[in-house]
Full PDB file with SEQRES, HELIX, SHEET, SSBOND, CRYST1, ORIGX, SCALE, CONECT and MASTER records, all heavy atoms in Angstrom:
SEQRES   1 A   36  VAL CYS ASP GLY PHE HIS SER ALA PRO ILE GLY ARG GLU          
SEQRES   2 A   36  LEU GLY LEU PRO THR SER ARG ASP GLY ARG ILE ARG VAL          
SEQRES   3 A   36  ASP SER ALA LEU ARG VAL GLU GLY PHE ALA                      
HELIX    1 AA1 ILE A   10  GLU A   13  1                                   4    
CRYST1    1.000    1.000    1.000  90.00  90.00  90.00 P 1           1          
ORIGX1      1.000000  0.000000  0.000000        0.00000                         
ORIGX2      0.000000  1.000000  0.000000        0.00000                         
ORIGX3      0.000000  0.000000  1.000000        0.00000                         
SCALE1      1.000000  0.000000  0.000000        0.00000                         
SCALE2      0.000000  1.000000  0.000000        0.00000                         
SCALE3      0.000000  0.000000  1.000000        0.00000                         
ATOM      1  N   VAL A   1       3.349 -20.823  13.932  1.00  0.00           N  
ATOM      2  CA  VAL A   1       4.385 -19.986  13.330  1.00  0.00           C  
ATOM      3  C   VAL A   1       3.932 -18.538  13.407  1.00  0.00           C  
ATOM      4  O   VAL A   1       2.916 -18.162  12.828  1.00  0.00           O  
ATOM      5  CB  VAL A   1       4.641 -20.387  11.860  1.00  0.00           C  
ATOM      6  CG1 VAL A   1       5.739 -19.505  11.262  1.00  0.00           C  
ATOM      7  CG2 VAL A   1       5.030 -21.856  11.763  1.00  0.00           C  
ATOM      8  N   CYS A   2       4.683 -17.732  14.147  1.00  0.00           N  
ATOM      9  CA  CYS A   2       4.352 -16.313  14.329  1.00  0.00           C  
ATOM     10  C   CYS A   2       5.472 -15.475  13.718  1.00  0.00           C  
ATOM     11  O   CYS A   2       6.307 -14.937  14.439  1.00  0.00           O  
ATOM     12  CB  CYS A   2       4.182 -15.982  15.806  1.00  0.00           C  
ATOM     13  SG  CYS A   2       2.907 -16.954  16.644  1.00  0.00           S  
ATOM     14  N   ASP A   3       5.501 -15.406  12.391  1.00  0.00           N  
ATOM     15  CA  ASP A   3       6.606 -14.685  11.749  1.00  0.00           C  
ATOM     16  C   ASP A   3       6.148 -13.413  11.065  1.00  0.00           C  
ATOM     17  O   ASP A   3       6.725 -12.970  10.090  1.00  0.00           O  
ATOM     18  CB  ASP A   3       7.358 -15.595  10.773  1.00  0.00           C  
ATOM     19  CG  ASP A   3       6.491 -16.071   9.617  1.00  0.00           C  
ATOM     20  OD1 ASP A   3       5.279 -15.829   9.662  1.00  0.00           O  
ATOM     21  OD2 ASP A   3       7.035 -16.663   8.675  1.00  0.00           O  
ATOM     22  N   GLY A   4       5.077 -12.812  11.601  1.00  0.00           N  
ATOM     23  CA  GLY A   4       4.749 -11.459  11.206  1.00  0.00           C  
ATOM     24  C   GLY A   4       3.666 -11.303  10.168  1.00  0.00           C  
ATOM     25  O   GLY A   4       3.150 -12.269   9.607  1.00  0.00           O  
ATOM     26  N   PHE A   5       3.338 -10.035   9.930  1.00  0.00           N  
ATOM     27  CA  PHE A   5       2.286  -9.665   8.995  1.00  0.00           C  
ATOM     28  C   PHE A   5       2.858  -8.809   7.874  1.00  0.00           C  
ATOM     29  O   PHE A   5       3.906  -8.190   8.026  1.00  0.00           O  
ATOM     30  CB  PHE A   5       1.188  -8.869   9.709  1.00  0.00           C  
ATOM     31  CG  PHE A   5       0.373  -9.686  10.668  1.00  0.00           C  
ATOM     32  CD1 PHE A   5       0.808  -9.899  11.967  1.00  0.00           C  
ATOM     33  CD2 PHE A   5      -0.824 -10.246  10.276  1.00  0.00           C  
ATOM     34  CE1 PHE A   5       0.054 -10.649  12.851  1.00  0.00           C  
ATOM     35  CE2 PHE A   5      -1.589 -10.997  11.148  1.00  0.00           C  
ATOM     36  CZ  PHE A   5      -1.145 -11.201  12.444  1.00  0.00           C  
ATOM     37  N   HIS A   6       2.150  -8.791   6.763  1.00  0.00           N  
ATOM     38  CA  HIS A   6       2.529  -7.958   5.621  1.00  0.00           C  
ATOM     39  C   HIS A   6       1.319  -7.145   5.180  1.00  0.00           C  
ATOM     40  O   HIS A   6       0.192  -7.394   5.605  1.00  0.00           O  
ATOM     41  CB  HIS A   6       3.040  -8.834   4.465  1.00  0.00           C  
ATOM     42  CG  HIS A   6       4.233  -9.647   4.819  1.00  0.00           C  
ATOM     43  ND1 HIS A   6       5.479  -9.102   5.031  1.00  0.00           N  
ATOM     44  CD2 HIS A   6       4.387 -10.985   5.008  1.00  0.00           C  
ATOM     45  CE1 HIS A   6       6.340 -10.061   5.338  1.00  0.00           C  
ATOM     46  NE2 HIS A   6       5.697 -11.206   5.334  1.00  0.00           N  
ATOM     47  N   SER A   7       1.566  -6.199   4.303  1.00  0.00           N  
ATOM     48  CA  SER A   7       0.470  -5.380   3.797  1.00  0.00           C  
ATOM     49  C   SER A   7      -0.564  -6.243   3.098  1.00  0.00           C  
ATOM     50  O   SER A   7      -0.219  -7.189   2.381  1.00  0.00           O  
ATOM     51  CB  SER A   7       1.010  -4.346   2.800  1.00  0.00           C  
ATOM     52  OG  SER A   7       2.000  -3.546   3.393  1.00  0.00           O  
ATOM     53  N   ALA A   8      -1.827  -5.895   3.287  1.00  0.00           N  
ATOM     54  CA  ALA A   8      -2.884  -6.601   2.579  1.00  0.00           C  
ATOM     55  C   ALA A   8      -2.700  -6.376   1.081  1.00  0.00           C  
ATOM     56  O   ALA A   8      -2.415  -5.262   0.639  1.00  0.00           O  
ATOM     57  CB  ALA A   8      -4.243  -6.096   3.032  1.00  0.00           C  
ATOM     58  N   PRO A   9      -2.844  -7.417   0.269  1.00  0.00           N  
ATOM     59  CA  PRO A   9      -2.593  -7.285  -1.176  1.00  0.00           C  
ATOM     60  C   PRO A   9      -3.651  -6.488  -1.914  1.00  0.00           C  
ATOM     61  O   PRO A   9      -3.489  -6.194  -3.096  1.00  0.00           O  
ATOM     62  CB  PRO A   9      -2.589  -8.742  -1.645  1.00  0.00           C  
ATOM     63  CG  PRO A   9      -3.462  -9.464  -0.679  1.00  0.00           C  
ATOM     64  CD  PRO A   9      -3.215  -8.788   0.649  1.00  0.00           C  
ATOM     65  N   ILE A  10      -4.714  -6.090  -1.202  1.00  0.00           N  
ATOM     66  CA  ILE A  10      -5.828  -5.450  -1.890  1.00  0.00           C  
ATOM     67  C   ILE A  10      -5.447  -4.122  -2.535  1.00  0.00           C  
ATOM     68  O   ILE A  10      -6.020  -3.726  -3.553  1.00  0.00           O  
ATOM     69  CB  ILE A  10      -7.025  -5.261  -0.920  1.00  0.00           C  
ATOM     70  CG1 ILE A  10      -8.284  -4.862  -1.691  1.00  0.00           C  
ATOM     71  CG2 ILE A  10      -6.684  -4.260   0.179  1.00  0.00           C  
ATOM     72  CD1 ILE A  10      -9.553  -4.897  -0.880  1.00  0.00           C  
ATOM     73  N   GLY A  11      -4.454  -3.419  -1.983  1.00  0.00           N  
ATOM     74  CA  GLY A  11      -4.034  -2.155  -2.597  1.00  0.00           C  
ATOM     75  C   GLY A  11      -3.585  -2.354  -4.031  1.00  0.00           C  
ATOM     76  O   GLY A  11      -3.979  -1.614  -4.945  1.00  0.00           O  
ATOM     77  N   ARG A  12      -2.782  -3.370  -4.256  1.00  0.00           N  
ATOM     78  CA  ARG A  12      -2.311  -3.681  -5.606  1.00  0.00           C  
ATOM     79  C   ARG A  12      -3.462  -4.187  -6.468  1.00  0.00           C  
ATOM     80  O   ARG A  12      -3.575  -3.853  -7.655  1.00  0.00           O  
ATOM     81  CB  ARG A  12      -1.197  -4.723  -5.517  1.00  0.00           C  
ATOM     82  CG  ARG A  12      -0.467  -4.991  -6.804  1.00  0.00           C  
ATOM     83  CD  ARG A  12       0.776  -5.832  -6.520  1.00  0.00           C  
ATOM     84  NE  ARG A  12       1.796  -5.051  -5.823  1.00  0.00           N  
ATOM     85  CZ  ARG A  12       2.776  -5.592  -5.094  1.00  0.00           C  
ATOM     86  NH1 ARG A  12       2.834  -6.893  -4.924  1.00  0.00           N  
ATOM     87  NH2 ARG A  12       3.670  -4.811  -4.504  1.00  0.00           N  
ATOM     88  N   GLU A  13      -4.338  -4.988  -5.856  1.00  0.00           N  
ATOM     89  CA  GLU A  13      -5.477  -5.526  -6.604  1.00  0.00           C  
ATOM     90  C   GLU A  13      -6.423  -4.418  -7.064  1.00  0.00           C  
ATOM     91  O   GLU A  13      -7.082  -4.549  -8.097  1.00  0.00           O  
ATOM     92  CB  GLU A  13      -6.232  -6.537  -5.730  1.00  0.00           C  
ATOM     93  CG  GLU A  13      -5.423  -7.792  -5.407  1.00  0.00           C  
ATOM     94  CD  GLU A  13      -6.059  -8.622  -4.305  1.00  0.00           C  
ATOM     95  OE1 GLU A  13      -7.143  -8.226  -3.812  1.00  0.00           O  
ATOM     96  OE2 GLU A  13      -5.473  -9.655  -3.921  1.00  0.00           O  
ATOM     97  N   LEU A  14      -6.489  -3.325  -6.308  1.00  0.00           N  
ATOM     98  CA  LEU A  14      -7.356  -2.208  -6.677  1.00  0.00           C  
ATOM     99  C   LEU A  14      -6.716  -1.298  -7.714  1.00  0.00           C  
ATOM    100  O   LEU A  14      -7.339  -0.334  -8.166  1.00  0.00           O  
ATOM    101  CB  LEU A  14      -7.700  -1.384  -5.429  1.00  0.00           C  
ATOM    102  CG  LEU A  14      -8.573  -2.064  -4.371  1.00  0.00           C  
ATOM    103  CD1 LEU A  14      -8.687  -1.190  -3.137  1.00  0.00           C  
ATOM    104  CD2 LEU A  14      -9.959  -2.384  -4.929  1.00  0.00           C  
ATOM    105  N   GLY A  15      -5.471  -1.583  -8.073  1.00  0.00           N  
ATOM    106  CA  GLY A  15      -4.785  -0.787  -9.069  1.00  0.00           C  
ATOM    107  C   GLY A  15      -4.184   0.500  -8.542  1.00  0.00           C  
ATOM    108  O   GLY A  15      -3.871   1.416  -9.317  1.00  0.00           O  
ATOM    109  N   LEU A  16      -4.004   0.568  -7.220  1.00  0.00           N  
ATOM    110  CA  LEU A  16      -3.422   1.763  -6.624  1.00  0.00           C  
ATOM    111  C   LEU A  16      -1.902   1.690  -6.667  1.00  0.00           C  
ATOM    112  O   LEU A  16      -1.330   0.592  -6.740  1.00  0.00           O  
ATOM    113  CB  LEU A  16      -3.900   1.903  -5.176  1.00  0.00           C  
ATOM    114  CG  LEU A  16      -5.408   2.062  -4.989  1.00  0.00           C  
ATOM    115  CD1 LEU A  16      -5.765   2.069  -3.508  1.00  0.00           C  
ATOM    116  CD2 LEU A  16      -5.910   3.331  -5.670  1.00  0.00           C  
ATOM    117  N   PRO A  17      -1.215   2.831  -6.617  1.00  0.00           N  
ATOM    118  CA  PRO A  17       0.253   2.805  -6.610  1.00  0.00           C  
ATOM    119  C   PRO A  17       0.777   2.158  -5.329  1.00  0.00           C  
ATOM    120  O   PRO A  17       0.378   2.559  -4.231  1.00  0.00           O  
ATOM    121  CB  PRO A  17       0.641   4.287  -6.694  1.00  0.00           C  
ATOM    122  CG  PRO A  17      -0.552   5.033  -6.178  1.00  0.00           C  
ATOM    123  CD  PRO A  17      -1.746   4.214  -6.576  1.00  0.00           C  
ATOM    124  N   THR A  18       1.624   1.168  -5.470  1.00  0.00           N  
ATOM    125  CA  THR A  18       2.144   0.454  -4.305  1.00  0.00           C  
ATOM    126  C   THR A  18       3.660   0.332  -4.387  1.00  0.00           C  
ATOM    127  O   THR A  18       4.250   0.397  -5.466  1.00  0.00           O  
ATOM    128  CB  THR A  18       1.539  -0.963  -4.194  1.00  0.00           C  
ATOM    129  OG1 THR A  18       1.804  -1.684  -5.403  1.00  0.00           O  
ATOM    130  CG2 THR A  18       0.038  -0.906  -3.980  1.00  0.00           C  
ATOM    131  N   SER A  19       4.265   0.136  -3.220  1.00  0.00           N  
ATOM    132  CA  SER A  19       5.704  -0.102  -3.164  1.00  0.00           C  
ATOM    133  C   SER A  19       5.977  -1.575  -3.450  1.00  0.00           C  
ATOM    134  O   SER A  19       5.062  -2.383  -3.607  1.00  0.00           O  
ATOM    135  CB  SER A  19       6.237   0.286  -1.779  1.00  0.00           C  
ATOM    136  OG  SER A  19       5.592  -0.489  -0.783  1.00  0.00           O  
ATOM    137  N   ARG A  20       7.223  -1.940  -3.503  1.00  0.00           N  
ATOM    138  CA  ARG A  20       7.597  -3.315  -3.825  1.00  0.00           C  
ATOM    139  C   ARG A  20       7.024  -4.316  -2.834  1.00  0.00           C  
ATOM    140  O   ARG A  20       6.678  -5.436  -3.193  1.00  0.00           O  
ATOM    141  CB  ARG A  20       9.128  -3.433  -3.866  1.00  0.00           C  
ATOM    142  CG  ARG A  20       9.628  -4.800  -4.296  1.00  0.00           C  
ATOM    143  CD  ARG A  20      11.145  -4.818  -4.388  1.00  0.00           C  
ATOM    144  NE  ARG A  20      11.631  -3.862  -5.386  1.00  0.00           N  
ATOM    145  CZ  ARG A  20      12.918  -3.636  -5.612  1.00  0.00           C  
ATOM    146  NH1 ARG A  20      13.839  -4.263  -4.911  1.00  0.00           N  
ATOM    147  NH2 ARG A  20      13.290  -2.762  -6.549  1.00  0.00           N  
ATOM    148  N   ASP A  21       6.897  -3.906  -1.547  1.00  0.00           N  
ATOM    149  CA  ASP A  21       6.375  -4.828  -0.536  1.00  0.00           C  
ATOM    150  C   ASP A  21       4.850  -4.778  -0.426  1.00  0.00           C  
ATOM    151  O   ASP A  21       4.271  -5.374   0.475  1.00  0.00           O  
ATOM    152  CB  ASP A  21       7.017  -4.561   0.826  1.00  0.00           C  
ATOM    153  CG  ASP A  21       6.696  -3.165   1.365  1.00  0.00           C  
ATOM    154  OD1 ASP A  21       5.916  -2.441   0.720  1.00  0.00           O  
ATOM    155  OD2 ASP A  21       7.233  -2.811   2.428  1.00  0.00           O  
ATOM    156  N   GLY A  22       4.191  -4.057  -1.325  1.00  0.00           N  
ATOM    157  CA  GLY A  22       2.734  -4.082  -1.374  1.00  0.00           C  
ATOM    158  C   GLY A  22       2.027  -2.957  -0.656  1.00  0.00           C  
ATOM    159  O   GLY A  22       0.805  -2.856  -0.727  1.00  0.00           O  
ATOM    160  N   ARG A  23       2.766  -2.098   0.042  1.00  0.00           N  
ATOM    161  CA  ARG A  23       2.111  -0.994   0.741  1.00  0.00           C  
ATOM    162  C   ARG A  23       1.669   0.080  -0.251  1.00  0.00           C  
ATOM    163  O   ARG A  23       2.353   0.351  -1.235  1.00  0.00           O  
ATOM    164  CB  ARG A  23       3.058  -0.377   1.772  1.00  0.00           C  
ATOM    165  CG  ARG A  23       3.287  -1.264   2.993  1.00  0.00           C  
ATOM    166  CD  ARG A  23       4.244  -0.614   3.971  1.00  0.00           C  
ATOM    167  NE  ARG A  23       5.583  -0.500   3.409  1.00  0.00           N  
ATOM    168  CZ  ARG A  23       6.549   0.238   3.941  1.00  0.00           C  
ATOM    169  NH1 ARG A  23       6.320   0.919   5.045  1.00  0.00           N  
ATOM    170  NH2 ARG A  23       7.742   0.274   3.384  1.00  0.00           N  
ATOM    171  N   ILE A  24       0.519   0.676   0.034  1.00  0.00           N  
ATOM    172  CA  ILE A  24       0.005   1.748  -0.822  1.00  0.00           C  
ATOM    173  C   ILE A  24       0.881   2.983  -0.643  1.00  0.00           C  
ATOM    174  O   ILE A  24       1.187   3.388   0.475  1.00  0.00           O  
ATOM    175  CB  ILE A  24      -1.458   2.062  -0.469  1.00  0.00           C  
ATOM    176  CG1 ILE A  24      -2.333   0.827  -0.713  1.00  0.00           C  
ATOM    177  CG2 ILE A  24      -1.966   3.244  -1.298  1.00  0.00           C  
ATOM    178  CD1 ILE A  24      -3.757   0.974  -0.209  1.00  0.00           C  
ATOM    179  N   ARG A  25       1.270   3.596  -1.750  1.00  0.00           N  
ATOM    180  CA  ARG A  25       2.127   4.777  -1.690  1.00  0.00           C  
ATOM    181  C   ARG A  25       1.292   6.009  -1.328  1.00  0.00           C  
ATOM    182  O   ARG A  25       0.258   6.271  -1.938  1.00  0.00           O  
ATOM    183  CB  ARG A  25       2.819   5.007  -3.033  1.00  0.00           C  
ATOM    184  CG  ARG A  25       3.878   3.972  -3.363  1.00  0.00           C  
ATOM    185  CD  ARG A  25       4.685   4.398  -4.575  1.00  0.00           C  
ATOM    186  NE  ARG A  25       5.752   3.468  -4.860  1.00  0.00           N  
ATOM    187  CZ  ARG A  25       6.951   3.483  -4.261  1.00  0.00           C  
ATOM    188  NH1 ARG A  25       7.214   4.391  -3.340  1.00  0.00           N  
ATOM    189  NH2 ARG A  25       7.863   2.600  -4.581  1.00  0.00           N  
ATOM    190  N   VAL A  26       1.750   6.758  -0.322  1.00  0.00           N  
ATOM    191  CA  VAL A  26       1.048   7.958   0.134  1.00  0.00           C  
ATOM    192  C   VAL A  26       2.051   9.085   0.319  1.00  0.00           C  
ATOM    193  O   VAL A  26       3.260   8.867   0.397  1.00  0.00           O  
ATOM    194  CB  VAL A  26       0.315   7.708   1.469  1.00  0.00           C  
ATOM    195  CG1 VAL A  26      -0.766   6.649   1.299  1.00  0.00           C  
ATOM    196  CG2 VAL A  26       1.301   7.295   2.561  1.00  0.00           C  
ATOM    197  N   ASP A  27       1.523  10.325   0.393  1.00  0.00           N  
ATOM    198  CA  ASP A  27       2.387  11.458   0.691  1.00  0.00           C  
ATOM    199  C   ASP A  27       2.407  11.701   2.198  1.00  0.00           C  
ATOM    200  O   ASP A  27       1.905  10.885   2.978  1.00  0.00           O  
ATOM    201  CB  ASP A  27       1.940  12.700  -0.087  1.00  0.00           C  
ATOM    202  CG  ASP A  27       0.552  13.202   0.307  1.00  0.00           C  
ATOM    203  OD1 ASP A  27       0.037  12.793   1.375  1.00  0.00           O  
ATOM    204  OD2 ASP A  27      -0.023  14.014  -0.450  1.00  0.00           O  
ATOM    205  N   SER A  28       2.952  12.833   2.620  1.00  0.00           N  
ATOM    206  CA  SER A  28       3.102  13.099   4.058  1.00  0.00           C  
ATOM    207  C   SER A  28       1.767  13.279   4.775  1.00  0.00           C  
ATOM    208  O   SER A  28       1.706  13.192   5.999  1.00  0.00           O  
ATOM    209  CB  SER A  28       3.972  14.348   4.265  1.00  0.00           C  
ATOM    210  OG  SER A  28       3.364  15.475   3.643  1.00  0.00           O  
ATOM    211  N   ALA A  29       0.691  13.530   4.028  1.00  0.00           N  
ATOM    212  CA  ALA A  29      -0.644  13.660   4.622  1.00  0.00           C  
ATOM    213  C   ALA A  29      -1.438  12.368   4.491  1.00  0.00           C  
ATOM    214  O   ALA A  29      -2.640  12.357   4.765  1.00  0.00           O  
ATOM    215  CB  ALA A  29      -1.403  14.800   3.951  1.00  0.00           C  
ATOM    216  N   LEU A  30      -0.783  11.300   4.053  1.00  0.00           N  
ATOM    217  CA  LEU A  30      -1.391   9.979   3.852  1.00  0.00           C  
ATOM    218  C   LEU A  30      -2.361   9.944   2.671  1.00  0.00           C  
ATOM    219  O   LEU A  30      -3.169   9.022   2.558  1.00  0.00           O  
ATOM    220  CB  LEU A  30      -2.091   9.474   5.131  1.00  0.00           C  
ATOM    221  CG  LEU A  30      -1.190   9.302   6.357  1.00  0.00           C  
ATOM    222  CD1 LEU A  30      -1.996   8.732   7.523  1.00  0.00           C  
ATOM    223  CD2 LEU A  30      -0.008   8.399   6.050  1.00  0.00           C  
ATOM    224  N   ARG A  31      -2.273  10.928   1.771  1.00  0.00           N  
ATOM    225  CA  ARG A  31      -3.037  10.857   0.524  1.00  0.00           C  
ATOM    226  C   ARG A  31      -2.380   9.845  -0.412  1.00  0.00           C  
ATOM    227  O   ARG A  31      -1.167   9.816  -0.547  1.00  0.00           O  
ATOM    228  CB  ARG A  31      -3.076  12.213  -0.172  1.00  0.00           C  
ATOM    229  CG  ARG A  31      -3.941  13.252   0.491  1.00  0.00           C  
ATOM    230  CD  ARG A  31      -4.007  14.526  -0.363  1.00  0.00           C  
ATOM    231  NE  ARG A  31      -4.842  15.540   0.256  1.00  0.00           N  
ATOM    232  CZ  ARG A  31      -4.383  16.429   1.126  1.00  0.00           C  
ATOM    233  NH1 ARG A  31      -3.102  16.433   1.463  1.00  0.00           N  
ATOM    234  NH2 ARG A  31      -5.196  17.310   1.661  1.00  0.00           N  
ATOM    235  N   VAL A  32      -3.222   9.033  -1.037  1.00  0.00           N  
ATOM    236  CA  VAL A  32      -2.704   8.100  -2.028  1.00  0.00           C  
ATOM    237  C   VAL A  32      -2.139   8.902  -3.194  1.00  0.00           C  
ATOM    238  O   VAL A  32      -2.775   9.858  -3.673  1.00  0.00           O  
ATOM    239  CB  VAL A  32      -3.816   7.152  -2.514  1.00  0.00           C  
ATOM    240  CG1 VAL A  32      -3.301   6.223  -3.614  1.00  0.00           C  
ATOM    241  CG2 VAL A  32      -4.366   6.348  -1.352  1.00  0.00           C  
ATOM    242  N   GLU A  33      -0.960   8.550  -3.631  1.00  0.00           N  
ATOM    243  CA  GLU A  33      -0.296   9.290  -4.701  1.00  0.00           C  
ATOM    244  C   GLU A  33      -1.194   9.423  -5.925  1.00  0.00           C  
ATOM    245  O   GLU A  33      -1.716   8.433  -6.435  1.00  0.00           O  
ATOM    246  CB  GLU A  33       1.010   8.598  -5.090  1.00  0.00           C  
ATOM    247  CG  GLU A  33       2.114   8.727  -4.051  1.00  0.00           C  
ATOM    248  CD  GLU A  33       3.431   8.130  -4.538  1.00  0.00           C  
ATOM    249  OE1 GLU A  33       3.463   7.587  -5.650  1.00  0.00           O  
ATOM    250  OE2 GLU A  33       4.416   8.225  -3.789  1.00  0.00           O  
ATOM    251  N   GLY A  34      -1.414  10.680  -6.344  1.00  0.00           N  
ATOM    252  CA  GLY A  34      -2.199  10.936  -7.552  1.00  0.00           C  
ATOM    253  C   GLY A  34      -3.675  11.184  -7.291  1.00  0.00           C  
ATOM    254  O   GLY A  34      -4.417  11.479  -8.245  1.00  0.00           O  
ATOM    255  N   PHE A  35      -4.126  11.087  -6.028  1.00  0.00           N  
ATOM    256  CA  PHE A  35      -5.558  11.260  -5.730  1.00  0.00           C  
ATOM    257  C   PHE A  35      -5.719  12.158  -4.515  1.00  0.00           C  
ATOM    258  O   PHE A  35      -5.333  11.789  -3.397  1.00  0.00           O  
ATOM    259  CB  PHE A  35      -6.218   9.909  -5.484  1.00  0.00           C  
ATOM    260  CG  PHE A  35      -6.078   8.945  -6.637  1.00  0.00           C  
ATOM    261  CD1 PHE A  35      -5.109   7.963  -6.612  1.00  0.00           C  
ATOM    262  CD2 PHE A  35      -6.888   9.065  -7.758  1.00  0.00           C  
ATOM    263  CE1 PHE A  35      -4.953   7.081  -7.673  1.00  0.00           C  
ATOM    264  CE2 PHE A  35      -6.752   8.191  -8.824  1.00  0.00           C  
ATOM    265  CZ  PHE A  35      -5.785   7.207  -8.799  1.00  0.00           C  
ATOM    266  N   ALA A  36      -6.336  13.326  -4.722  1.00  0.00           N  
ATOM    267  CA  ALA A  36      -6.443  14.318  -3.652  1.00  0.00           C  
ATOM    268  C   ALA A  36      -7.426  13.943  -2.570  1.00  0.00           C  
ATOM    269  O   ALA A  36      -7.319  14.416  -1.431  1.00  0.00           O  
ATOM    270  CB  ALA A  36      -6.836  15.666  -4.256  1.00  0.00           C  
TER     271      ALA A  36                                                      
MASTER        0    0    0    1    0    0    0    6  270    1    0    3          
END                                                                             
């Protein structure tokens, strides 16, 4: 069954801000939201 990949759940497990599908939220420079 080759039905694709999803974001690794570790972002949520680390307590970082994530979207509903588990991706870590970043700004336009790929900085994690809230951390410079």
